[in-house]
Amino acid sequence: MAGGLVQAEANRLLDASLRGVAYTLPTTPMKNALLTTTGSATAAGTEVTGGTYARATITLGTAAAAGSVSNTATVDHTGMPAATTTGIDVYDSNGSPRRAWWGPLTASRTTLAGDILSFAIGALVFNLV
């Protein structure tokens, strides 16, 4: 997955690490949102709707290594509507969720009503270097 941090999150991290500005941690767990139109660093994509689709929890390793971390459990989106998913946005679990990451899928994935769309262990990779 290409993409990366959303601009607002990148700015928060830069301010914290270089200017000493207090950083507010995201509310975990982080949630994977599926998109029918992929967003960008500055704009959220169009999220899947319908069926019983809901954002899915991303389980991450205990610590990042070499500037990277990936999912350590399968991420399942059950009850999908008929849709073509082109990308993901990653949000925290706050009552007003904060978008932190975005990216296009390597290849679009088409689902039929009732399908499960899954991401295998290690499929969602987040890099800072």
N, C-alpha and C. Protein backbone atom coordinates (compact mmCIF):
# COMPACT_ATOMS: atom_id res chain seq x y z
N MET A 1 0.85 -1.18 0.00
CA MET A 1 0.00 0.00 0.00
C MET A 1 0.89 1.23 0.00
N ALA A 2 0.76 2.03 -1.03
CA ALA A 2 1.42 3.33 -1.02
C ALA A 2 0.55 4.28 -0.23
N GLY A 3 0.78 5.56 -0.30
CA GLY A 3 0.02 6.50 0.52
C GLY A 3 0.87 6.87 1.71
N GLY A 4 0.26 7.05 2.85
CA GLY A 4 1.04 7.38 4.03
C GLY A 4 0.21 8.14 5.03
N LEU A 5 0.90 8.94 5.82
CA LEU A 5 0.22 9.77 6.82
C LEU A 5 -0.62 10.83 6.14
N VAL A 6 -1.74 11.15 6.75
CA VAL A 6 -2.49 12.30 6.25
C VAL A 6 -1.73 13.55 6.69
N GLN A 7 -1.90 14.62 5.98
CA GLN A 7 -1.14 15.84 6.23
C GLN A 7 -1.31 16.36 7.66
N ALA A 8 -2.52 16.34 8.18
CA ALA A 8 -2.76 16.85 9.53
C ALA A 8 -1.98 16.05 10.57
N GLU A 9 -1.94 14.72 10.41
CA GLU A 9 -1.20 13.87 11.35
C GLU A 9 0.30 14.10 11.21
N ALA A 10 0.78 14.23 9.99
CA ALA A 10 2.19 14.52 9.76
C ALA A 10 2.58 15.84 10.43
N ASN A 11 1.73 16.85 10.32
CA ASN A 11 2.00 18.14 10.96
C ASN A 11 2.07 18.00 12.48
N ARG A 12 1.14 17.22 13.05
CA ARG A 12 1.16 17.01 14.51
C ARG A 12 2.45 16.34 14.96
N LEU A 13 2.90 15.33 14.22
CA LEU A 13 4.13 14.63 14.58
C LEU A 13 5.36 15.52 14.41
N LEU A 14 5.40 16.30 13.36
CA LEU A 14 6.52 17.23 13.16
C LEU A 14 6.57 18.28 14.27
N ASP A 15 5.43 18.84 14.61
CA ASP A 15 5.39 19.83 15.69
C ASP A 15 5.85 19.22 17.01
N ALA A 16 5.44 17.98 17.27
CA ALA A 16 5.83 17.33 18.53
C ALA A 16 7.32 17.02 18.55
N SER A 17 7.85 16.47 17.46
CA SER A 17 9.23 16.02 17.47
C SER A 17 10.25 17.14 17.25
N LEU A 18 9.84 18.22 16.61
CA LEU A 18 10.80 19.29 16.30
C LEU A 18 10.56 20.59 17.06
N ARG A 19 9.33 20.79 17.51
CA ARG A 19 9.01 22.05 18.18
C ARG A 19 8.62 21.85 19.64
N GLY A 20 8.52 20.58 20.07
CA GLY A 20 8.15 20.31 21.45
C GLY A 20 6.70 20.57 21.77
N VAL A 21 5.87 20.65 20.75
CA VAL A 21 4.43 20.87 20.95
C VAL A 21 3.82 19.55 21.44
N ALA A 22 2.96 19.62 22.44
CA ALA A 22 2.34 18.42 22.98
C ALA A 22 1.56 17.69 21.89
N TYR A 23 1.74 16.38 21.86
CA TYR A 23 1.06 15.52 20.89
C TYR A 23 -0.06 14.77 21.60
N THR A 24 -1.25 14.83 21.05
CA THR A 24 -2.38 14.09 21.59
C THR A 24 -2.43 12.73 20.91
N LEU A 25 -2.28 11.68 21.70
CA LEU A 25 -2.30 10.32 21.14
C LEU A 25 -3.67 10.00 20.55
N PRO A 26 -3.69 9.20 19.48
CA PRO A 26 -4.98 8.75 18.96
C PRO A 26 -5.62 7.79 19.95
N THR A 27 -6.92 7.67 19.87
CA THR A 27 -7.66 6.71 20.69
C THR A 27 -7.64 5.36 19.99
N THR A 28 -7.04 4.38 20.63
CA THR A 28 -6.96 3.06 20.02
C THR A 28 -8.18 2.23 20.41
N PRO A 29 -8.50 1.21 19.64
CA PRO A 29 -7.75 0.67 18.51
C PRO A 29 -7.97 1.51 17.24
N MET A 30 -7.02 1.37 16.31
CA MET A 30 -7.16 2.03 15.03
C MET A 30 -8.13 1.22 14.18
N LYS A 31 -8.86 1.93 13.31
CA LYS A 31 -9.92 1.30 12.51
C LYS A 31 -9.65 1.47 11.01
N ASN A 32 -9.84 0.40 10.27
CA ASN A 32 -9.65 0.38 8.83
C ASN A 32 -10.97 0.72 8.14
N ALA A 33 -10.98 1.76 7.34
CA ALA A 33 -12.16 2.16 6.56
C ALA A 33 -11.91 1.83 5.10
N LEU A 34 -12.86 1.20 4.45
CA LEU A 34 -12.75 0.86 3.04
C LEU A 34 -13.34 1.98 2.19
N LEU A 35 -12.71 2.21 1.05
CA LEU A 35 -13.09 3.34 0.19
C LEU A 35 -13.46 2.90 -1.22
N THR A 36 -14.48 3.54 -1.78
CA THR A 36 -14.82 3.32 -3.19
C THR A 36 -14.16 4.37 -4.07
N THR A 37 -13.74 5.46 -3.47
CA THR A 37 -12.92 6.47 -4.14
C THR A 37 -11.79 6.79 -3.17
N THR A 38 -10.56 6.56 -3.61
CA THR A 38 -9.41 6.74 -2.74
C THR A 38 -9.16 8.21 -2.47
N GLY A 39 -8.85 8.52 -1.22
CA GLY A 39 -8.57 9.89 -0.82
C GLY A 39 -7.13 10.27 -1.11
N SER A 40 -6.64 11.22 -0.33
CA SER A 40 -5.27 11.71 -0.49
C SER A 40 -4.76 12.12 0.89
N ALA A 41 -3.58 12.69 0.92
CA ALA A 41 -3.03 13.16 2.19
C ALA A 41 -3.85 14.29 2.78
N THR A 42 -4.63 14.98 1.96
CA THR A 42 -5.38 16.14 2.44
C THR A 42 -6.90 15.97 2.41
N ALA A 43 -7.39 14.87 1.81
CA ALA A 43 -8.84 14.68 1.72
C ALA A 43 -9.20 13.21 1.90
N ALA A 44 -10.20 12.95 2.71
CA ALA A 44 -10.67 11.58 2.93
C ALA A 44 -11.31 11.05 1.65
N GLY A 45 -11.27 9.74 1.49
CA GLY A 45 -11.92 9.10 0.36
C GLY A 45 -13.41 8.92 0.63
N THR A 46 -14.10 8.28 -0.31
CA THR A 46 -15.52 7.99 -0.18
C THR A 46 -15.65 6.60 0.44
N GLU A 47 -16.19 6.55 1.66
CA GLU A 47 -16.26 5.29 2.39
C GLU A 47 -17.39 4.41 1.88
N VAL A 48 -17.14 3.11 1.89
CA VAL A 48 -18.15 2.10 1.55
C VAL A 48 -19.35 2.29 2.46
N THR A 49 -20.55 2.11 1.91
CA THR A 49 -21.78 2.12 2.70
C THR A 49 -22.65 0.96 2.25
N GLY A 50 -23.52 0.53 3.14
CA GLY A 50 -24.46 -0.51 2.79
C GLY A 50 -24.13 -1.83 3.45
N GLY A 51 -25.04 -2.78 3.28
CA GLY A 51 -24.88 -4.06 3.95
C GLY A 51 -24.76 -3.81 5.44
N THR A 52 -23.94 -4.59 6.11
CA THR A 52 -23.65 -4.34 7.53
C THR A 52 -22.19 -3.90 7.67
N TYR A 53 -21.65 -3.33 6.58
CA TYR A 53 -20.26 -2.85 6.59
C TYR A 53 -20.02 -1.93 7.79
N ALA A 54 -18.86 -2.11 8.42
CA ALA A 54 -18.39 -1.22 9.47
C ALA A 54 -16.87 -1.20 9.42
N ARG A 55 -16.28 -0.14 9.93
CA ARG A 55 -14.83 -0.09 10.03
C ARG A 55 -14.34 -1.25 10.89
N ALA A 56 -13.19 -1.80 10.54
CA ALA A 56 -12.66 -2.97 11.24
C ALA A 56 -11.40 -2.61 12.02
N THR A 57 -11.25 -3.24 13.18
CA THR A 57 -10.08 -3.01 14.03
C THR A 57 -8.82 -3.56 13.38
N ILE A 58 -7.74 -2.77 13.47
CA ILE A 58 -6.43 -3.20 13.00
C ILE A 58 -5.59 -3.56 14.22
N THR A 59 -5.14 -4.80 14.28
CA THR A 59 -4.24 -5.24 15.35
C THR A 59 -2.81 -5.11 14.83
N LEU A 60 -2.00 -4.33 15.56
CA LEU A 60 -0.62 -4.07 15.13
C LEU A 60 0.36 -4.77 16.05
N GLY A 61 1.58 -4.96 15.55
CA GLY A 61 2.64 -5.56 16.35
C GLY A 61 2.93 -4.74 17.59
N THR A 62 3.73 -5.29 18.48
CA THR A 62 4.01 -4.65 19.75
C THR A 62 4.84 -3.38 19.59
N ALA A 63 5.67 -3.32 18.57
CA ALA A 63 6.49 -2.12 18.35
C ALA A 63 6.91 -2.05 16.89
N ALA A 64 7.06 -0.84 16.40
CA ALA A 64 7.56 -0.65 15.05
C ALA A 64 9.04 -1.01 15.01
N ALA A 65 9.51 -1.43 13.85
CA ALA A 65 10.93 -1.73 13.65
C ALA A 65 11.34 -1.20 12.29
N ALA A 66 12.51 -0.59 12.24
CA ALA A 66 13.04 -0.05 10.99
C ALA A 66 12.06 0.92 10.33
N GLY A 67 11.31 1.66 11.14
CA GLY A 67 10.39 2.67 10.62
C GLY A 67 9.12 2.11 10.01
N SER A 68 8.77 0.87 10.37
CA SER A 68 7.62 0.22 9.76
C SER A 68 6.87 -0.63 10.78
N VAL A 69 5.56 -0.77 10.57
CA VAL A 69 4.74 -1.67 11.36
C VAL A 69 3.62 -2.18 10.45
N SER A 70 3.16 -3.41 10.72
CA SER A 70 2.07 -3.97 9.91
C SER A 70 1.08 -4.71 10.79
N ASN A 71 -0.04 -5.07 10.20
CA ASN A 71 -1.08 -5.77 10.97
C ASN A 71 -0.62 -7.18 11.33
N THR A 72 -0.92 -7.59 12.56
CA THR A 72 -0.51 -8.92 13.06
C THR A 72 -1.69 -9.87 13.20
N ALA A 73 -2.85 -9.46 12.75
CA ALA A 73 -4.03 -10.32 12.70
C ALA A 73 -4.79 -9.96 11.43
N THR A 74 -5.53 -10.92 10.91
CA THR A 74 -6.35 -10.67 9.74
C THR A 74 -7.36 -9.57 10.05
N VAL A 75 -7.57 -8.68 9.09
CA VAL A 75 -8.56 -7.61 9.23
C VAL A 75 -9.75 -7.99 8.34
N ASP A 76 -10.87 -8.30 8.97
CA ASP A 76 -12.07 -8.75 8.24
C ASP A 76 -13.15 -7.69 8.23
N HIS A 77 -13.68 -7.42 7.04
CA HIS A 77 -14.85 -6.56 6.88
C HIS A 77 -15.99 -7.49 6.44
N THR A 78 -16.92 -7.77 7.33
CA THR A 78 -18.01 -8.69 7.03
C THR A 78 -19.24 -7.91 6.56
N GLY A 79 -20.17 -8.64 5.95
CA GLY A 79 -21.42 -8.03 5.53
C GLY A 79 -21.25 -6.93 4.49
N MET A 80 -20.30 -7.13 3.58
CA MET A 80 -20.04 -6.10 2.57
C MET A 80 -21.23 -5.93 1.64
N PRO A 81 -21.43 -4.70 1.14
CA PRO A 81 -22.39 -4.50 0.06
C PRO A 81 -21.70 -4.83 -1.27
N ALA A 82 -22.45 -4.83 -2.34
CA ALA A 82 -21.83 -4.91 -3.66
C ALA A 82 -21.05 -3.61 -3.86
N ALA A 83 -19.75 -3.73 -4.03
CA ALA A 83 -18.92 -2.52 -4.12
C ALA A 83 -17.56 -2.87 -4.73
N THR A 84 -16.89 -1.84 -5.23
CA THR A 84 -15.50 -1.97 -5.64
C THR A 84 -14.68 -1.09 -4.73
N THR A 85 -13.80 -1.72 -3.95
CA THR A 85 -12.97 -1.01 -2.99
C THR A 85 -11.64 -0.66 -3.65
N THR A 86 -11.27 0.62 -3.58
CA THR A 86 -10.05 1.09 -4.25
C THR A 86 -8.95 1.50 -3.27
N GLY A 87 -9.31 1.74 -1.99
CA GLY A 87 -8.30 2.20 -1.04
C GLY A 87 -8.81 2.11 0.38
N ILE A 88 -7.97 2.57 1.31
CA ILE A 88 -8.35 2.59 2.72
C ILE A 88 -7.98 3.93 3.34
N ASP A 89 -8.70 4.27 4.38
CA ASP A 89 -8.34 5.34 5.31
C ASP A 89 -8.28 4.67 6.67
N VAL A 90 -7.39 5.12 7.54
CA VAL A 90 -7.28 4.57 8.89
C VAL A 90 -7.61 5.68 9.88
N TYR A 91 -8.56 5.39 10.77
CA TYR A 91 -9.05 6.33 11.77
C TYR A 91 -8.77 5.79 13.16
N ASP A 92 -8.75 6.70 14.13
CA ASP A 92 -8.72 6.23 15.51
C ASP A 92 -10.14 5.93 15.95
N SER A 93 -10.32 5.55 17.23
CA SER A 93 -11.63 5.15 17.74
C SER A 93 -12.32 6.23 18.56
N ASN A 94 -11.85 7.45 18.48
CA ASN A 94 -12.45 8.55 19.21
C ASN A 94 -13.90 8.73 18.77
N GLY A 95 -14.72 9.34 19.62
CA GLY A 95 -16.11 9.64 19.27
C GLY A 95 -16.21 10.50 18.02
N SER A 96 -15.22 11.37 17.80
CA SER A 96 -15.06 12.11 16.54
C SER A 96 -13.76 11.60 15.93
N PRO A 97 -13.83 10.50 15.17
CA PRO A 97 -12.62 9.83 14.71
C PRO A 97 -11.65 10.73 13.94
N ARG A 98 -10.38 10.55 14.25
CA ARG A 98 -9.29 11.31 13.63
C ARG A 98 -8.66 10.44 12.54
N ARG A 99 -8.66 10.92 11.32
CA ARG A 99 -8.05 10.21 10.19
C ARG A 99 -6.54 10.37 10.29
N ALA A 100 -5.82 9.25 10.20
CA ALA A 100 -4.38 9.31 10.38
C ALA A 100 -3.59 8.81 9.16
N TRP A 101 -4.09 7.81 8.47
CA TRP A 101 -3.38 7.20 7.34
C TRP A 101 -4.34 7.03 6.16
N TRP A 102 -3.78 6.93 4.98
CA TRP A 102 -4.57 6.71 3.78
C TRP A 102 -3.73 5.92 2.78
N GLY A 103 -4.37 5.30 1.81
CA GLY A 103 -3.62 4.66 0.75
C GLY A 103 -4.50 3.90 -0.22
N PRO A 104 -4.05 3.82 -1.47
CA PRO A 104 -4.76 3.01 -2.47
C PRO A 104 -4.41 1.54 -2.29
N LEU A 105 -5.30 0.66 -2.68
CA LEU A 105 -4.98 -0.76 -2.72
C LEU A 105 -4.09 -1.02 -3.94
N THR A 106 -3.29 -2.07 -3.87
CA THR A 106 -2.46 -2.45 -5.02
C THR A 106 -3.35 -2.78 -6.21
N ALA A 107 -4.47 -3.44 -5.94
CA ALA A 107 -5.48 -3.74 -6.96
C ALA A 107 -6.85 -3.58 -6.32
N SER A 108 -7.78 -3.01 -7.06
CA SER A 108 -9.16 -2.86 -6.55
C SER A 108 -9.73 -4.24 -6.23
N ARG A 109 -10.66 -4.27 -5.26
CA ARG A 109 -11.29 -5.53 -4.86
C ARG A 109 -12.81 -5.36 -4.94
N THR A 110 -13.43 -6.24 -5.70
CA THR A 110 -14.88 -6.18 -5.90
C THR A 110 -15.56 -7.22 -5.00
N THR A 111 -16.62 -6.77 -4.31
CA THR A 111 -17.38 -7.67 -3.45
C THR A 111 -18.83 -7.69 -3.89
N LEU A 112 -19.49 -8.80 -3.58
CA LEU A 112 -20.92 -8.92 -3.76
C LEU A 112 -21.59 -8.75 -2.41
N ALA A 113 -22.88 -8.48 -2.40
CA ALA A 113 -23.60 -8.31 -1.14
C ALA A 113 -23.40 -9.54 -0.26
N GLY A 114 -22.99 -9.29 1.00
CA GLY A 114 -22.78 -10.36 1.96
C GLY A 114 -21.37 -10.91 2.01
N ASP A 115 -20.52 -10.53 1.07
CA ASP A 115 -19.13 -11.01 1.06
C ASP A 115 -18.35 -10.50 2.27
N ILE A 116 -17.20 -11.13 2.50
CA ILE A 116 -16.22 -10.68 3.48
C ILE A 116 -15.00 -10.20 2.71
N LEU A 117 -14.53 -9.01 3.01
CA LEU A 117 -13.28 -8.52 2.42
C LEU A 117 -12.24 -8.57 3.53
N SER A 118 -11.16 -9.32 3.30
CA SER A 118 -10.14 -9.54 4.33
C SER A 118 -8.78 -9.05 3.87
N PHE A 119 -7.99 -8.62 4.84
CA PHE A 119 -6.58 -8.29 4.62
C PHE A 119 -5.77 -9.25 5.47
N ALA A 120 -4.91 -10.02 4.83
CA ALA A 120 -4.10 -11.01 5.53
C ALA A 120 -3.10 -10.35 6.48
N ILE A 121 -2.57 -11.14 7.40
CA ILE A 121 -1.52 -10.67 8.29
C ILE A 121 -0.39 -10.10 7.43
N GLY A 122 0.07 -8.91 7.78
CA GLY A 122 1.17 -8.26 7.06
C GLY A 122 0.77 -7.52 5.81
N ALA A 123 -0.51 -7.53 5.45
CA ALA A 123 -0.95 -6.86 4.22
C ALA A 123 -1.04 -5.35 4.36
N LEU A 124 -1.31 -4.86 5.58
CA LEU A 124 -1.39 -3.41 5.80
C LEU A 124 -0.07 -2.97 6.44
N VAL A 125 0.75 -2.30 5.65
CA VAL A 125 2.09 -1.90 6.09
C VAL A 125 2.14 -0.37 6.17
N PHE A 126 2.59 0.12 7.32
CA PHE A 126 2.67 1.55 7.56
C PHE A 126 4.15 1.92 7.75
N ASN A 127 4.65 2.83 6.90
CA ASN A 127 6.07 3.20 6.90
C ASN A 127 6.28 4.68 7.16
N LEU A 128 7.34 4.99 7.88
CA LEU A 128 7.76 6.39 8.03
C LEU A 128 9.12 6.65 7.37
N VAL A 129 9.76 5.61 6.91
CA VAL A 129 11.06 5.81 6.23
C VAL A 129 11.05 5.15 4.88
